[in-house]
C-alpha cells in the first residue's frame, strides 16, 4: 500500500476501492515469526455466524490475509464474538459466509 499512517501506536496500511477502505495494521512484534506461526496454528475457529459482503469488496481481500475486521468509523462492527471474517472466497465457503 502506498498510503501509510500511524493510529494509536499502530502502523496502518490503507487501500481504497469502490468507496470502501481496507486497513492493515501492525505493531512491533514481541514474538518471533516462528512463534507467531505456532500460536496461529493452535487456534481452531468454528463458524458461528455468516456474513454477506458486496462483490465490490473483493478487490480489498486476498488469500494472504489471516482475517478481516469490519469497521465503521472508529467503532468495530461486532456481534460480540472474536470470530474472524474470512479473507477469501474459499475460506468464506469453509466458514459458511456467502459472497455477492
Protein backbone atom coordinates (compact mmCIF):
# COMPACT_ATOMS: atom_id res chain seq x y z
CA UNK A 1 0.00 0.00 0.00
CA UNK A 2 1.26 3.48 -0.81
CA UNK A 3 -0.79 5.12 1.94
CA UNK A 4 0.63 4.55 5.43
CA UNK A 5 -0.19 6.31 8.70
CA UNK A 6 0.10 5.83 12.45
CA UNK A 7 -3.04 5.38 14.56
CA UNK A 8 -2.96 4.78 18.30
CA UNK A 9 0.63 3.50 18.20
CA UNK A 10 -0.01 1.09 15.31
CA UNK A 11 1.25 1.32 11.73
CA UNK A 12 -1.72 1.27 9.32
CA UNK A 13 -1.52 0.42 5.62
CA UNK A 14 -4.54 1.82 3.75
CA UNK A 15 -6.10 0.75 0.45
CA UNK A 16 -9.36 2.12 -1.01
CA UNK A 17 -11.71 0.73 -3.67
CA UNK A 18 -15.34 1.39 -4.64
CA UNK A 19 -15.95 3.64 -1.64
CA UNK A 20 -14.58 1.08 0.85
CA UNK A 21 -11.25 1.14 2.66
CA UNK A 22 -9.06 -1.76 3.77
CA UNK A 23 -6.77 -1.05 6.70
CA UNK A 24 -3.99 -3.48 7.61
CA UNK A 25 -2.30 -2.61 10.88
CA UNK A 26 0.64 -3.95 12.83
CA UNK A 27 2.74 -3.23 15.88
CA UNK A 28 6.25 -4.21 16.85
CA UNK A 29 6.09 -7.95 17.49
CA UNK A 30 7.13 -9.45 20.82
CA UNK A 31 7.32 -12.94 19.27
CA UNK A 32 9.47 -14.40 16.51
CA UNK A 33 7.77 -15.26 13.20
CA UNK A 34 8.09 -18.95 14.12
CA UNK A 35 6.38 -18.40 17.50
CA UNK A 36 3.56 -16.48 15.81
CA UNK A 37 3.07 -19.31 13.30
CA UNK A 38 2.94 -21.91 16.08
CA UNK A 39 0.46 -19.82 18.07
CA UNK A 40 -1.73 -19.19 15.00
CA UNK A 41 -1.82 -22.89 14.06
CA UNK A 42 -3.05 -23.70 17.58
CA UNK A 43 -6.31 -21.78 17.16
CA UNK A 44 -9.38 -23.59 15.90
CA UNK A 45 -12.22 -21.40 14.63
CA UNK A 46 -15.70 -22.85 14.43
CA UNK A 47 -18.15 -20.89 12.26
CA UNK A 48 -20.66 -19.07 14.45
CA UNK A 49 -22.36 -16.55 12.19
CA UNK A 50 -22.39 -15.88 8.48
CA UNK A 51 -21.88 -12.57 6.73
CA UNK A 52 -22.72 -11.41 3.21
CA UNK A 53 -20.34 -8.97 1.55
CA UNK A 54 -20.80 -7.00 -1.66
CA UNK A 55 -18.69 -8.09 -4.64
CA UNK A 56 -17.03 -4.65 -4.78
CA UNK A 57 -15.22 -5.54 -1.56
CA UNK A 58 -13.37 -8.45 -3.20
CA UNK A 59 -10.58 -6.22 -4.52
CA UNK A 60 -9.71 -5.41 -0.87
CA UNK A 61 -9.33 -9.09 0.06
CA UNK A 62 -6.62 -11.60 -0.74
CA UNK A 63 -5.61 -15.05 0.47
CA UNK A 64 -2.53 -13.72 2.29
CA UNK A 65 -4.73 -12.03 4.91
CA UNK A 66 -5.23 -14.02 8.12
CA UNK A 67 -8.52 -12.29 8.93
CA UNK A 68 -10.57 -9.18 8.20
CA UNK A 69 -12.09 -6.78 10.72
CA UNK A 70 -15.14 -4.81 9.60
CA UNK A 71 -15.27 -1.29 10.97
CA UNK A 72 -17.40 1.81 10.56
CA UNK A 73 -15.57 4.97 11.54
CA UNK A 74 -13.84 4.35 14.84
CA UNK A 75 -16.27 1.65 16.04
CA UNK A 76 -15.79 -2.03 15.26
CA UNK A 77 -18.80 -3.90 13.89
CA UNK A 78 -19.03 -6.85 16.23
CA UNK A 79 -21.56 -9.48 17.12
CA UNK A 80 -19.89 -9.97 20.50
CA UNK A 81 -17.52 -12.68 19.31
CA UNK A 82 -13.93 -12.65 18.12
CA UNK A 83 -14.65 -14.85 15.10
CA UNK A 84 -12.59 -13.58 12.15
CA UNK A 85 -14.32 -12.70 8.90
CA UNK A 86 -12.96 -14.93 6.10
CA UNK A 87 -10.38 -13.29 3.86
CA UNK A 88 -11.05 -15.15 0.60
CA UNK A 89 -13.84 -16.84 -1.29
CA UNK A 90 -12.52 -20.30 -0.45
CA UNK A 91 -12.20 -19.59 3.26
CA UNK A 92 -15.60 -17.87 3.16
CA UNK A 93 -17.18 -21.10 1.94
CA UNK A 94 -15.43 -23.09 4.67
CA UNK A 95 -16.72 -20.68 7.33
CA UNK A 96 -20.25 -20.51 5.90
CA UNK A 97 -20.12 -16.93 4.58
CA UNK A 98 -21.62 -16.00 1.24
CA UNK A 99 -20.28 -13.61 -1.40
CA UNK A 100 -22.32 -11.48 -3.82
